[in-house]
Amino acid sequence: MESLAIHQQDARGYGQPRQASTSRLSSKQGEESLRGSDRRWPRPSREAVVVSEDEAGASSQSDEAGAEALPKDWSFTSHLGEDLRGADLSGADLRRAVFDGADLEGADLSGADLRRASFKRANLMKAAFDGADMRDGIFVKARMNLSNFQETRLDGTDLRGIRGKYAIWRGANWWDARMDDELREALAKKWPRPLTEGVSDQP
């Protein structure tokens, strides 16, 4: 009887190690499978992620800088009564644009193309027009005191009724523009027309 019990214990014990070895084998195979997947799909390093983010930021900044560098094209557009104080419109294309009644005090329009643009009754106090092309523009009754019109082109520009006695007209051909006699006399004294073949505005 004792030998039979021992034999049964040996039989029961014989099966247990086999089950344990099987579970260890399946666990080992799973770990190897995971390692293999890691080898096939390596995770990006922290340095690579940081570099890619920096490159993306630099690319967006360069795109924004390029967009800002492009000249503005507002030709044939309407901006009636808009608040454009201090606006940067330097070098902009403003041909035939309408700014009647708009507030452009302190705006930068230097080098802009203002041909046939309309600024009736607009506030242009302290605005910069130096080097701008204002030919055939309409500035009737605009406020233009303390503005800079140095080296502007004013052929056929309508300046009737403007306030511009204290503006800077150096190098501008104001004598080719339409304006009130009172302003013309004031500009002739302060910004006299250069002598050309003996012709002068002075009596």
N, C-alpha and C. Protein backbone atom coordinates (compact mmCIF):
# COMPACT_ATOMS: atom_id res chain seq x y z
N MET A 1 0.82 -1.21 0.00
CA MET A 1 0.00 0.00 0.00
C MET A 1 0.86 1.26 0.00
N GLU A 2 1.93 1.25 0.77
CA GLU A 2 2.80 2.42 0.81
C GLU A 2 3.44 2.67 -0.54
N SER A 3 3.87 1.59 -1.16
CA SER A 3 4.49 1.75 -2.48
C SER A 3 3.51 2.29 -3.49
N LEU A 4 2.21 1.89 -3.37
CA LEU A 4 1.20 2.38 -4.29
C LEU A 4 0.95 3.88 -4.09
N ALA A 5 0.90 4.33 -2.82
CA ALA A 5 0.71 5.77 -2.55
C ALA A 5 1.86 6.59 -3.08
N ILE A 6 3.09 6.06 -2.87
CA ILE A 6 4.27 6.78 -3.38
C ILE A 6 4.22 6.88 -4.89
N HIS A 7 3.79 5.82 -5.52
CA HIS A 7 3.71 5.80 -6.97
C HIS A 7 2.70 6.84 -7.47
N GLN A 8 1.53 6.95 -6.75
CA GLN A 8 0.53 7.95 -7.15
C GLN A 8 1.05 9.37 -6.98
N GLN A 9 1.80 9.60 -5.87
CA GLN A 9 2.37 10.94 -5.67
C GLN A 9 3.36 11.28 -6.78
N ASP A 10 4.17 10.26 -7.14
CA ASP A 10 5.13 10.51 -8.23
C ASP A 10 4.42 10.82 -9.53
N ALA A 11 3.27 10.15 -9.73
CA ALA A 11 2.53 10.40 -10.97
C ALA A 11 1.95 11.80 -10.99
N ARG A 12 1.41 12.21 -9.80
CA ARG A 12 0.86 13.57 -9.76
C ARG A 12 1.96 14.62 -9.91
N GLY A 13 3.06 14.40 -9.26
CA GLY A 13 4.17 15.34 -9.35
C GLY A 13 4.78 15.39 -10.72
N TYR A 14 4.69 14.31 -11.44
CA TYR A 14 5.30 14.25 -12.77
C TYR A 14 4.61 15.21 -13.74
N GLY A 15 3.27 15.39 -13.57
CA GLY A 15 2.54 16.26 -14.50
C GLY A 15 2.72 17.74 -14.23
N GLN A 16 2.99 18.10 -12.99
CA GLN A 16 3.07 19.52 -12.66
C GLN A 16 4.24 20.24 -13.32
N PRO A 17 5.44 19.68 -13.26
CA PRO A 17 6.56 20.37 -13.92
C PRO A 17 6.32 20.60 -15.39
N ARG A 18 5.66 19.68 -16.03
CA ARG A 18 5.41 19.83 -17.47
C ARG A 18 4.51 21.03 -17.75
N GLN A 19 3.48 21.23 -16.90
CA GLN A 19 2.60 22.38 -17.09
C GLN A 19 3.34 23.69 -16.86
N ALA A 20 4.17 23.74 -15.83
CA ALA A 20 4.94 24.95 -15.54
C ALA A 20 5.87 25.30 -16.68
N SER A 21 6.54 24.29 -17.22
CA SER A 21 7.46 24.54 -18.33
C SER A 21 6.73 25.06 -19.55
N THR A 22 5.48 24.58 -19.74
CA THR A 22 4.70 25.05 -20.89
C THR A 22 4.33 26.53 -20.75
N SER A 23 3.92 26.93 -19.52
CA SER A 23 3.57 28.34 -19.29
C SER A 23 4.78 29.24 -19.43
N ARG A 24 5.95 28.76 -18.95
CA ARG A 24 7.16 29.57 -19.11
C ARG A 24 7.52 29.73 -20.57
N LEU A 25 7.30 28.69 -21.35
CA LEU A 25 7.62 28.75 -22.76
C LEU A 25 6.74 29.77 -23.48
N SER A 26 5.42 29.76 -23.18
CA SER A 26 4.52 30.72 -23.84
C SER A 26 4.85 32.15 -23.45
N SER A 27 5.22 32.37 -22.18
CA SER A 27 5.60 33.71 -21.73
C SER A 27 6.86 34.19 -22.44
N LYS A 28 7.80 33.28 -22.60
CA LYS A 28 9.06 33.64 -23.27
C LYS A 28 8.81 33.98 -24.73
N GLN A 29 7.94 33.21 -25.38
CA GLN A 29 7.62 33.49 -26.77
C GLN A 29 6.96 34.86 -26.93
N GLY A 30 6.07 35.22 -25.96
CA GLY A 30 5.42 36.53 -26.02
C GLY A 30 6.40 37.66 -25.88
N GLU A 31 7.39 37.50 -24.97
CA GLU A 31 8.39 38.55 -24.81
C GLU A 31 9.22 38.71 -26.07
N GLU A 32 9.59 37.56 -26.68
CA GLU A 32 10.38 37.64 -27.91
C GLU A 32 9.58 38.31 -29.02
N SER A 33 8.25 38.03 -29.04
CA SER A 33 7.41 38.67 -30.06
C SER A 33 7.37 40.18 -29.88
N LEU A 34 7.27 40.64 -28.61
CA LEU A 34 7.27 42.08 -28.35
C LEU A 34 8.59 42.71 -28.72
N ARG A 35 9.69 42.01 -28.39
CA ARG A 35 10.99 42.56 -28.76
C ARG A 35 11.12 42.68 -30.27
N GLY A 36 10.61 41.69 -30.96
CA GLY A 36 10.68 41.73 -32.42
C GLY A 36 9.90 42.89 -33.00
N SER A 37 8.72 43.17 -32.41
CA SER A 37 7.94 44.31 -32.89
C SER A 37 8.64 45.62 -32.63
N ASP A 38 9.37 45.71 -31.48
CA ASP A 38 10.13 46.92 -31.20
C ASP A 38 11.23 47.12 -32.22
N ARG A 39 11.84 46.01 -32.66
CA ARG A 39 12.90 46.14 -33.64
C ARG A 39 12.35 46.59 -34.99
N ARG A 40 11.15 46.13 -35.32
CA ARG A 40 10.57 46.51 -36.60
C ARG A 40 10.09 47.96 -36.60
N TRP A 41 9.59 48.45 -35.48
CA TRP A 41 9.05 49.80 -35.39
C TRP A 41 9.73 50.55 -34.26
N PRO A 42 10.93 51.05 -34.47
CA PRO A 42 11.67 51.73 -33.39
C PRO A 42 10.99 53.04 -33.02
N ARG A 43 10.98 53.35 -31.73
CA ARG A 43 10.40 54.60 -31.26
C ARG A 43 11.35 55.77 -31.54
N PRO A 44 10.81 56.94 -31.95
CA PRO A 44 11.69 58.09 -32.18
C PRO A 44 12.30 58.58 -30.88
N SER A 45 13.54 58.99 -30.97
CA SER A 45 14.21 59.49 -29.78
C SER A 45 13.69 60.87 -29.41
N ARG A 46 13.92 61.28 -28.16
CA ARG A 46 13.46 62.59 -27.70
C ARG A 46 14.14 63.70 -28.50
N GLU A 47 15.40 63.49 -28.87
CA GLU A 47 16.12 64.51 -29.64
C GLU A 47 15.48 64.70 -31.01
N ALA A 48 15.04 63.59 -31.62
CA ALA A 48 14.44 63.70 -32.94
C ALA A 48 13.13 64.47 -32.88
N VAL A 49 12.35 64.23 -31.83
CA VAL A 49 11.08 64.94 -31.68
C VAL A 49 11.32 66.43 -31.50
N VAL A 50 12.31 66.81 -30.68
CA VAL A 50 12.61 68.22 -30.44
C VAL A 50 13.06 68.90 -31.71
N VAL A 51 13.92 68.24 -32.50
CA VAL A 51 14.42 68.82 -33.75
C VAL A 51 13.28 69.04 -34.72
N SER A 52 12.38 68.05 -34.83
CA SER A 52 11.28 68.19 -35.77
C SER A 52 10.37 69.35 -35.39
N GLU A 53 10.14 69.56 -34.09
CA GLU A 53 9.32 70.68 -33.65
C GLU A 53 9.99 72.01 -33.95
N ASP A 54 11.32 72.08 -33.75
CA ASP A 54 12.05 73.31 -34.06
C ASP A 54 11.97 73.62 -35.54
N GLU A 55 12.12 72.58 -36.38
CA GLU A 55 12.07 72.79 -37.83
C GLU A 55 10.70 73.29 -38.26
N ALA A 56 9.65 72.72 -37.64
CA ALA A 56 8.29 73.15 -37.98
C ALA A 56 8.08 74.61 -37.60
N GLY A 57 8.58 75.02 -36.42
CA GLY A 57 8.44 76.40 -35.99
C GLY A 57 9.20 77.35 -36.90
N ALA A 58 10.42 76.95 -37.29
CA ALA A 58 11.21 77.81 -38.18
C ALA A 58 10.54 77.95 -39.53
N SER A 59 9.92 76.86 -40.02
CA SER A 59 9.24 76.91 -41.31
C SER A 59 8.06 77.86 -41.28
N SER A 60 7.25 77.79 -40.20
CA SER A 60 6.09 78.68 -40.09
C SER A 60 6.52 80.14 -39.98
N GLN A 61 7.63 80.39 -39.24
CA GLN A 61 8.11 81.77 -39.11
C GLN A 61 8.58 82.32 -40.44
N SER A 62 9.26 81.47 -41.23
CA SER A 62 9.74 81.93 -42.54
C SER A 62 8.58 82.22 -43.47
N ASP A 63 7.51 81.39 -43.38
CA ASP A 63 6.33 81.64 -44.21
C ASP A 63 5.67 82.95 -43.84
N GLU A 64 5.57 83.24 -42.52
CA GLU A 64 4.97 84.49 -42.08
C GLU A 64 5.80 85.68 -42.52
N ALA A 65 7.13 85.54 -42.43
CA ALA A 65 8.01 86.64 -42.85
C ALA A 65 7.86 86.90 -44.33
N GLY A 66 7.73 85.82 -45.13
CA GLY A 66 7.56 85.99 -46.56
C GLY A 66 6.25 86.68 -46.90
N ALA A 67 5.19 86.32 -46.14
CA ALA A 67 3.89 86.95 -46.37
C ALA A 67 3.94 88.43 -46.02
N GLU A 68 4.63 88.79 -44.94
CA GLU A 68 4.72 90.18 -44.54
C GLU A 68 5.55 90.99 -45.52
N ALA A 69 6.51 90.36 -46.19
CA ALA A 69 7.39 91.07 -47.11
C ALA A 69 6.68 91.44 -48.41
N LEU A 70 5.59 90.75 -48.74
CA LEU A 70 4.89 91.03 -49.98
C LEU A 70 4.20 92.39 -49.90
N PRO A 71 4.25 93.20 -50.99
CA PRO A 71 3.57 94.49 -50.97
C PRO A 71 2.06 94.31 -50.94
N LYS A 72 1.35 95.24 -50.31
CA LYS A 72 -0.11 95.15 -50.21
C LYS A 72 -0.75 95.63 -51.50
N ASP A 73 -1.77 94.93 -51.94
CA ASP A 73 -2.51 95.32 -53.14
C ASP A 73 -3.95 95.63 -52.74
N TRP A 74 -4.22 96.91 -52.58
CA TRP A 74 -5.57 97.37 -52.24
C TRP A 74 -6.17 98.15 -53.40
N SER A 75 -5.68 97.94 -54.59
CA SER A 75 -6.19 98.69 -55.73
C SER A 75 -7.65 98.35 -55.99
N PHE A 76 -8.42 99.38 -56.36
CA PHE A 76 -9.84 99.23 -56.70
C PHE A 76 -10.68 98.71 -55.53
N THR A 77 -10.24 98.98 -54.30
CA THR A 77 -11.01 98.56 -53.12
C THR A 77 -11.59 99.78 -52.41
N SER A 78 -12.58 99.55 -51.57
CA SER A 78 -13.25 100.65 -50.87
C SER A 78 -13.03 100.52 -49.37
N HIS A 79 -12.65 101.64 -48.73
CA HIS A 79 -12.40 101.69 -47.29
C HIS A 79 -13.06 102.94 -46.70
N LEU A 80 -14.29 103.15 -47.06
CA LEU A 80 -15.03 104.34 -46.62
C LEU A 80 -15.11 104.41 -45.10
N GLY A 81 -14.62 105.51 -44.55
CA GLY A 81 -14.75 105.76 -43.12
C GLY A 81 -14.02 104.78 -42.21
N GLU A 82 -13.11 103.99 -42.73
CA GLU A 82 -12.42 102.99 -41.91
C GLU A 82 -11.38 103.64 -40.99
N ASP A 83 -11.13 102.98 -39.87
CA ASP A 83 -10.11 103.44 -38.93
C ASP A 83 -8.79 102.76 -39.30
N LEU A 84 -7.90 103.51 -39.94
CA LEU A 84 -6.61 102.98 -40.39
C LEU A 84 -5.47 103.80 -39.79
N ARG A 85 -5.67 104.29 -38.60
CA ARG A 85 -4.63 105.09 -37.95
C ARG A 85 -3.36 104.27 -37.75
N GLY A 86 -2.23 104.85 -38.20
CA GLY A 86 -0.95 104.19 -38.04
C GLY A 86 -0.75 102.99 -38.94
N ALA A 87 -1.59 102.79 -39.93
CA ALA A 87 -1.48 101.62 -40.81
C ALA A 87 -0.20 101.69 -41.64
N ASP A 88 0.41 100.54 -41.88
CA ASP A 88 1.61 100.45 -42.71
C ASP A 88 1.19 100.09 -44.13
N LEU A 89 1.12 101.09 -44.98
CA LEU A 89 0.77 100.90 -46.39
C LEU A 89 1.91 101.34 -47.28
N SER A 90 3.12 101.28 -46.76
CA SER A 90 4.28 101.70 -47.54
C SER A 90 4.46 100.78 -48.75
N GLY A 91 4.64 101.40 -49.91
CA GLY A 91 4.84 100.64 -51.13
C GLY A 91 3.61 99.93 -51.65
N ALA A 92 2.45 100.19 -51.06
CA ALA A 92 1.23 99.48 -51.43
C ALA A 92 0.67 99.98 -52.76
N ASP A 93 -0.07 99.10 -53.42
CA ASP A 93 -0.77 99.46 -54.65
C ASP A 93 -2.18 99.91 -54.26
N LEU A 94 -2.41 101.21 -54.30
CA LEU A 94 -3.69 101.78 -53.89
C LEU A 94 -4.38 102.50 -55.05
N ARG A 95 -4.08 102.12 -56.25
CA ARG A 95 -4.67 102.78 -57.41
C ARG A 95 -6.20 102.67 -57.38
N ARG A 96 -6.83 103.82 -57.56
CA ARG A 96 -8.30 103.93 -57.62
C ARG A 96 -9.00 103.41 -56.35
N ALA A 97 -8.26 103.23 -55.28
CA ALA A 97 -8.90 102.84 -54.01
C ALA A 97 -9.63 104.04 -53.42
N VAL A 98 -10.66 103.78 -52.63
CA VAL A 98 -11.49 104.85 -52.06
C VAL A 98 -11.34 104.84 -50.54
N PHE A 99 -10.84 105.96 -50.01
CA PHE A 99 -10.66 106.14 -48.57
C PHE A 99 -11.43 107.35 -48.06
N ASP A 100 -12.51 107.69 -48.71
CA ASP A 100 -13.28 108.88 -48.33
C ASP A 100 -13.73 108.78 -46.87
N GLY A 101 -13.42 109.84 -46.10
CA GLY A 101 -13.83 109.89 -44.70
C GLY A 101 -13.07 108.96 -43.78
N ALA A 102 -12.04 108.29 -44.27
CA ALA A 102 -11.28 107.35 -43.44
C ALA A 102 -10.30 108.10 -42.53
N ASP A 103 -9.92 107.45 -41.45
CA ASP A 103 -8.95 108.03 -40.51
C ASP A 103 -7.61 107.34 -40.69
N LEU A 104 -6.67 108.03 -41.34
CA LEU A 104 -5.33 107.49 -41.58
C LEU A 104 -4.27 108.33 -40.87
N GLU A 105 -4.62 108.89 -39.75
CA GLU A 105 -3.65 109.72 -39.03
C GLU A 105 -2.42 108.89 -38.65
N GLY A 106 -1.24 109.41 -39.02
CA GLY A 106 0.01 108.73 -38.71
C GLY A 106 0.29 107.51 -39.56
N ALA A 107 -0.48 107.28 -40.61
CA ALA A 107 -0.27 106.11 -41.46
C ALA A 107 0.98 106.29 -42.32
N ASP A 108 1.57 105.18 -42.72
CA ASP A 108 2.77 105.21 -43.57
C ASP A 108 2.37 104.81 -44.99
N LEU A 109 2.33 105.78 -45.89
CA LEU A 109 2.02 105.54 -47.30
C LEU A 109 3.22 105.88 -48.18
N SER A 110 4.40 105.87 -47.61
CA SER A 110 5.60 106.22 -48.37
C SER A 110 5.81 105.22 -49.51
N GLY A 111 6.10 105.77 -50.69
CA GLY A 111 6.35 104.93 -51.85
C GLY A 111 5.13 104.23 -52.41
N ALA A 112 3.95 104.55 -51.91
CA ALA A 112 2.73 103.88 -52.38
C ALA A 112 2.28 104.45 -53.72
N ASP A 113 1.52 103.64 -54.46
CA ASP A 113 0.95 104.06 -55.73
C ASP A 113 -0.48 104.51 -55.48
N LEU A 114 -0.70 105.83 -55.47
CA LEU A 114 -2.00 106.41 -55.14
C LEU A 114 -2.68 107.03 -56.36
N ARG A 115 -2.30 106.63 -57.53
CA ARG A 115 -2.87 107.24 -58.73
C ARG A 115 -4.39 107.04 -58.79
N ARG A 116 -5.08 108.17 -58.94
CA ARG A 116 -6.54 108.20 -59.05
C ARG A 116 -7.26 107.66 -57.80
N ALA A 117 -6.55 107.58 -56.69
CA ALA A 117 -7.20 107.18 -55.43
C ALA A 117 -7.98 108.36 -54.87
N SER A 118 -8.97 108.07 -54.04
CA SER A 118 -9.83 109.12 -53.49
C SER A 118 -9.73 109.15 -51.97
N PHE A 119 -9.41 110.34 -51.43
CA PHE A 119 -9.29 110.55 -49.99
C PHE A 119 -10.13 111.77 -49.57
N LYS A 120 -11.30 111.91 -50.08
CA LYS A 120 -12.14 113.07 -49.76
C LYS A 120 -12.46 113.10 -48.27
N ARG A 121 -12.20 114.27 -47.66
CA ARG A 121 -12.48 114.50 -46.24
C ARG A 121 -11.81 113.48 -45.31
N ALA A 122 -10.75 112.86 -45.76
CA ALA A 122 -10.04 111.89 -44.92
C ALA A 122 -9.10 112.61 -43.95
N ASN A 123 -8.84 111.97 -42.82
CA ASN A 123 -7.88 112.51 -41.86
C ASN A 123 -6.51 111.93 -42.18
N LEU A 124 -5.63 112.77 -42.73
CA LEU A 124 -4.28 112.35 -43.11
C LEU A 124 -3.23 113.10 -42.31
N MET A 125 -3.59 113.56 -41.14
CA MET A 125 -2.65 114.28 -40.28
C MET A 125 -1.47 113.37 -39.93
N LYS A 126 -0.26 113.94 -40.03
CA LYS A 126 0.98 113.26 -39.65
C LYS A 126 1.24 111.99 -40.46
N ALA A 127 0.60 111.86 -41.61
CA ALA A 127 0.83 110.69 -42.47
C ALA A 127 2.08 110.90 -43.32
N ALA A 128 2.71 109.81 -43.71
CA ALA A 128 3.93 109.87 -44.53
C ALA A 128 3.61 109.49 -45.97
N PHE A 129 3.83 110.43 -46.89
CA PHE A 129 3.61 110.20 -48.31
C PHE A 129 4.91 110.33 -49.10
N ASP A 130 6.04 110.40 -48.42
CA ASP A 130 7.29 110.66 -49.13
C ASP A 130 7.56 109.59 -50.20
N GLY A 131 7.86 110.09 -51.41
CA GLY A 131 8.15 109.20 -52.53
C GLY A 131 6.93 108.55 -53.15
N ALA A 132 5.73 108.93 -52.72
CA ALA A 132 4.51 108.30 -53.25
C ALA A 132 4.12 108.92 -54.59
N ASP A 133 3.38 108.15 -55.37
CA ASP A 133 2.86 108.63 -56.65
C ASP A 133 1.38 108.98 -56.45
N MET A 134 1.09 110.28 -56.35
CA MET A 134 -0.27 110.74 -56.05
C MET A 134 -0.93 111.38 -57.27
N ARG A 135 -0.45 111.10 -58.44
CA ARG A 135 -0.98 111.73 -59.65
C ARG A 135 -2.47 111.45 -59.85
N ASP A 136 -3.20 112.53 -60.14
CA ASP A 136 -4.64 112.47 -60.40
C ASP A 136 -5.45 111.95 -59.20
N GLY A 137 -4.84 111.96 -58.03
CA GLY A 137 -5.58 111.57 -56.83
C GLY A 137 -6.53 112.67 -56.39
N ILE A 138 -7.54 112.31 -55.60
CA ILE A 138 -8.54 113.27 -55.14
C ILE A 138 -8.46 113.37 -53.62
N PHE A 139 -8.06 114.55 -53.14
CA PHE A 139 -7.89 114.79 -51.70
C PHE A 139 -8.70 116.00 -51.25
N VAL A 140 -9.83 116.20 -51.85
CA VAL A 140 -10.65 117.38 -51.56
C VAL A 140 -11.04 117.42 -50.08
N LYS A 141 -10.74 118.56 -49.45
CA LYS A 141 -11.07 118.83 -48.04
C LYS A 141 -10.49 117.80 -47.07
N ALA A 142 -9.38 117.21 -47.43
CA ALA A 142 -8.70 116.28 -46.52
C ALA A 142 -7.84 117.06 -45.53
N ARG A 143 -7.65 116.51 -44.36
CA ARG A 143 -6.79 117.13 -43.34
C ARG A 143 -5.39 116.57 -43.52
N MET A 144 -4.45 117.42 -43.94
CA MET A 144 -3.12 116.96 -44.30
C MET A 144 -2.01 117.75 -43.61
N ASN A 145 -2.34 118.46 -42.54
CA ASN A 145 -1.31 119.20 -41.82
C ASN A 145 -0.32 118.24 -41.15
N LEU A 146 0.93 118.70 -41.08
CA LEU A 146 2.02 117.95 -40.44
C LEU A 146 2.33 116.64 -41.14
N SER A 147 1.84 116.49 -42.37
CA SER A 147 2.16 115.29 -43.16
C SER A 147 3.43 115.52 -43.97
N ASN A 148 3.99 114.43 -44.49
CA ASN A 148 5.24 114.52 -45.24
C ASN A 148 4.98 114.17 -46.70
N PHE A 149 5.13 115.16 -47.59
CA PHE A 149 4.94 114.96 -49.02
C PHE A 149 6.25 115.12 -49.78
N GLN A 150 7.34 114.85 -49.13
CA GLN A 150 8.65 115.02 -49.75
C GLN A 150 8.81 114.09 -50.95
N GLU A 151 9.20 114.69 -52.08
CA GLU A 151 9.47 113.95 -53.32
C GLU A 151 8.25 113.21 -53.87
N THR A 152 7.05 113.67 -53.55
CA THR A 152 5.85 113.03 -54.12
C THR A 152 5.56 113.61 -55.50
N ARG A 153 4.83 112.83 -56.31
CA ARG A 153 4.42 113.27 -57.64
C ARG A 153 2.97 113.70 -57.56
N LEU A 154 2.71 114.96 -57.92
CA LEU A 154 1.39 115.54 -57.71
C LEU A 154 0.76 116.07 -58.99
N ASP A 155 1.14 115.53 -60.12
CA ASP A 155 0.57 115.98 -61.39
C ASP A 155 -0.94 115.72 -61.42
N GLY A 156 -1.73 116.79 -61.53
CA GLY A 156 -3.18 116.65 -61.63
C GLY A 156 -3.88 116.27 -60.34
N THR A 157 -3.17 116.25 -59.22
CA THR A 157 -3.78 115.90 -57.94
C THR A 157 -4.71 117.01 -57.48
N ASP A 158 -5.90 116.64 -57.02
CA ASP A 158 -6.89 117.62 -56.57
C ASP A 158 -6.74 117.84 -55.07
N LEU A 159 -6.16 118.99 -54.70
CA LEU A 159 -5.91 119.32 -53.30
C LEU A 159 -6.76 120.51 -52.84
N ARG A 160 -7.86 120.75 -53.49
CA ARG A 160 -8.70 121.89 -53.12
C ARG A 160 -9.35 121.68 -51.75
N GLY A 161 -9.26 122.75 -50.95
CA GLY A 161 -9.90 122.72 -49.65
C GLY A 161 -9.15 121.93 -48.58
N ILE A 162 -7.91 121.51 -48.85
CA ILE A 162 -7.17 120.72 -47.86
C ILE A 162 -6.54 121.64 -46.81
N ARG A 163 -6.18 121.04 -45.71
CA ARG A 163 -5.39 121.72 -44.69
C ARG A 163 -3.98 121.14 -44.76
N GLY A 164 -3.07 121.87 -45.40
CA GLY A 164 -1.73 121.35 -45.58
C GLY A 164 -0.65 122.41 -45.53
N LYS A 165 -0.99 123.53 -44.93
CA LYS A 165 -0.05 124.64 -44.86
C LYS A 165 1.21 124.27 -44.09
N TYR A 166 1.06 123.43 -43.08
CA TYR A 166 2.21 123.09 -42.23
C TYR A 166 2.77 121.69 -42.54
N ALA A 167 2.47 121.20 -43.71
CA ALA A 167 3.03 119.92 -44.14
C ALA A 167 4.40 120.14 -44.78
N ILE A 168 5.11 119.07 -45.02
CA ILE A 168 6.43 119.14 -45.66
C ILE A 168 6.25 118.84 -47.15
N TRP A 169 6.60 119.82 -48.00
CA TRP A 169 6.42 119.68 -49.45
C TRP A 169 7.75 119.71 -50.19
N ARG A 170 8.84 119.46 -49.50
CA ARG A 170 10.16 119.56 -50.12
C ARG A 170 10.30 118.56 -51.28
N GLY A 171 10.67 119.07 -52.44
CA GLY A 171 10.90 118.21 -53.61
C GLY A 171 9.64 117.73 -54.30
N ALA A 172 8.47 118.13 -53.81
CA ALA A 172 7.20 117.73 -54.44
C ALA A 172 6.77 118.80 -55.45
N ASN A 173 6.21 118.39 -56.57
CA ASN A 173 5.78 119.35 -57.59
C ASN A 173 4.35 119.82 -57.31
N TRP A 174 4.19 120.50 -56.19
CA TRP A 174 2.87 120.96 -55.76
C TRP A 174 2.25 121.93 -56.75
N TRP A 175 3.07 122.63 -57.55
CA TRP A 175 2.58 123.62 -58.51
C TRP A 175 1.81 122.96 -59.66
N ASP A 176 1.96 121.66 -59.83
CA ASP A 176 1.22 120.94 -60.87
C ASP A 176 -0.09 120.37 -60.36
N ALA A 177 -0.40 120.61 -59.09
CA ALA A 177 -1.64 120.12 -58.49
C ALA A 177 -2.71 121.22 -58.48
N ARG A 178 -3.93 120.83 -58.30
CA ARG A 178 -5.04 121.78 -58.18
C ARG A 178 -5.24 122.08 -56.69
N MET A 179 -5.22 123.36 -56.34
CA MET A 179 -5.37 123.74 -54.93
C MET A 179 -5.90 125.17 -54.83
N ASP A 180 -6.31 125.55 -53.64
CA ASP A 180 -6.81 126.91 -53.41
C ASP A 180 -5.66 127.91 -53.54
N ASP A 181 -5.99 129.11 -53.97
CA ASP A 181 -4.98 130.14 -54.16
C ASP A 181 -4.25 130.46 -52.86
N GLU A 182 -4.96 130.45 -51.76
CA GLU A 182 -4.34 130.76 -50.47
C GLU A 182 -3.23 129.76 -50.14
N LEU A 183 -3.48 128.49 -50.36
CA LEU A 183 -2.46 127.47 -50.09
C LEU A 183 -1.33 127.58 -51.10
N ARG A 184 -1.65 127.87 -52.34
CA ARG A 184 -0.62 127.99 -53.36
C ARG A 184 0.35 129.11 -53.00
N GLU A 185 -0.17 130.24 -52.53
CA GLU A 185 0.69 131.36 -52.15
C GLU A 185 1.57 131.01 -50.95
N ALA A 186 0.99 130.28 -49.99
CA ALA A 186 1.77 129.90 -48.81
C ALA A 186 2.90 128.94 -49.17
N LEU A 187 2.61 128.00 -50.06
CA LEU A 187 3.64 127.04 -50.46
C LEU A 187 4.71 127.70 -51.32
N ALA A 188 4.31 128.69 -52.13
CA ALA A 188 5.27 129.38 -52.97
C ALA A 188 6.30 130.13 -52.13
N LYS A 189 5.90 130.60 -50.95
CA LYS A 189 6.82 131.31 -50.07
C LYS A 189 7.73 130.35 -49.30
N LYS A 190 7.13 129.27 -48.83
CA LYS A 190 7.90 128.35 -47.99
C LYS A 190 8.62 127.28 -48.79
N TRP A 191 8.01 126.81 -49.86
CA TRP A 191 8.61 125.76 -50.69
C TRP A 191 8.59 126.23 -52.14
N PRO A 192 9.40 127.26 -52.47
CA PRO A 192 9.34 127.85 -53.81
C PRO A 192 9.69 126.85 -54.92
N ARG A 193 9.04 127.06 -56.04
CA ARG A 193 9.30 126.22 -57.20
C ARG A 193 10.71 126.48 -57.71
N PRO A 194 11.47 125.44 -58.00
CA PRO A 194 12.84 125.66 -58.50
C PRO A 194 12.83 126.37 -59.85
N LEU A 195 13.84 127.19 -60.09
CA LEU A 195 13.92 127.93 -61.35
C LEU A 195 14.16 126.96 -62.51
N THR A 196 13.34 127.12 -63.55
CA THR A 196 13.47 126.29 -64.75
C THR A 196 13.36 127.21 -65.96
N GLU A 197 14.47 127.41 -66.61
CA GLU A 197 14.51 128.27 -67.78
C GLU A 197 13.95 129.66 -67.48
N GLY A 198 14.29 130.15 -66.29
CA GLY A 198 13.89 131.50 -65.94
C GLY A 198 12.46 131.64 -65.48
N VAL A 199 11.71 130.50 -65.32
CA VAL A 199 10.31 130.58 -64.90
C VAL A 199 10.24 130.42 -63.40
N SER A 200 9.47 131.29 -62.72
CA SER A 200 9.34 131.22 -61.28
C SER A 200 7.94 131.64 -60.87
N ASP A 201 7.49 131.12 -59.73
CA ASP A 201 6.19 131.51 -59.21
C ASP A 201 6.23 132.87 -58.53
N GLN A 202 7.44 133.36 -58.27
CA GLN A 202 7.57 134.65 -57.60
C GLN A 202 7.20 135.77 -58.58
N PRO A 203 6.45 136.78 -58.13
CA PRO A 203 6.06 137.90 -59.03
C PRO A 203 7.27 138.72 -59.42
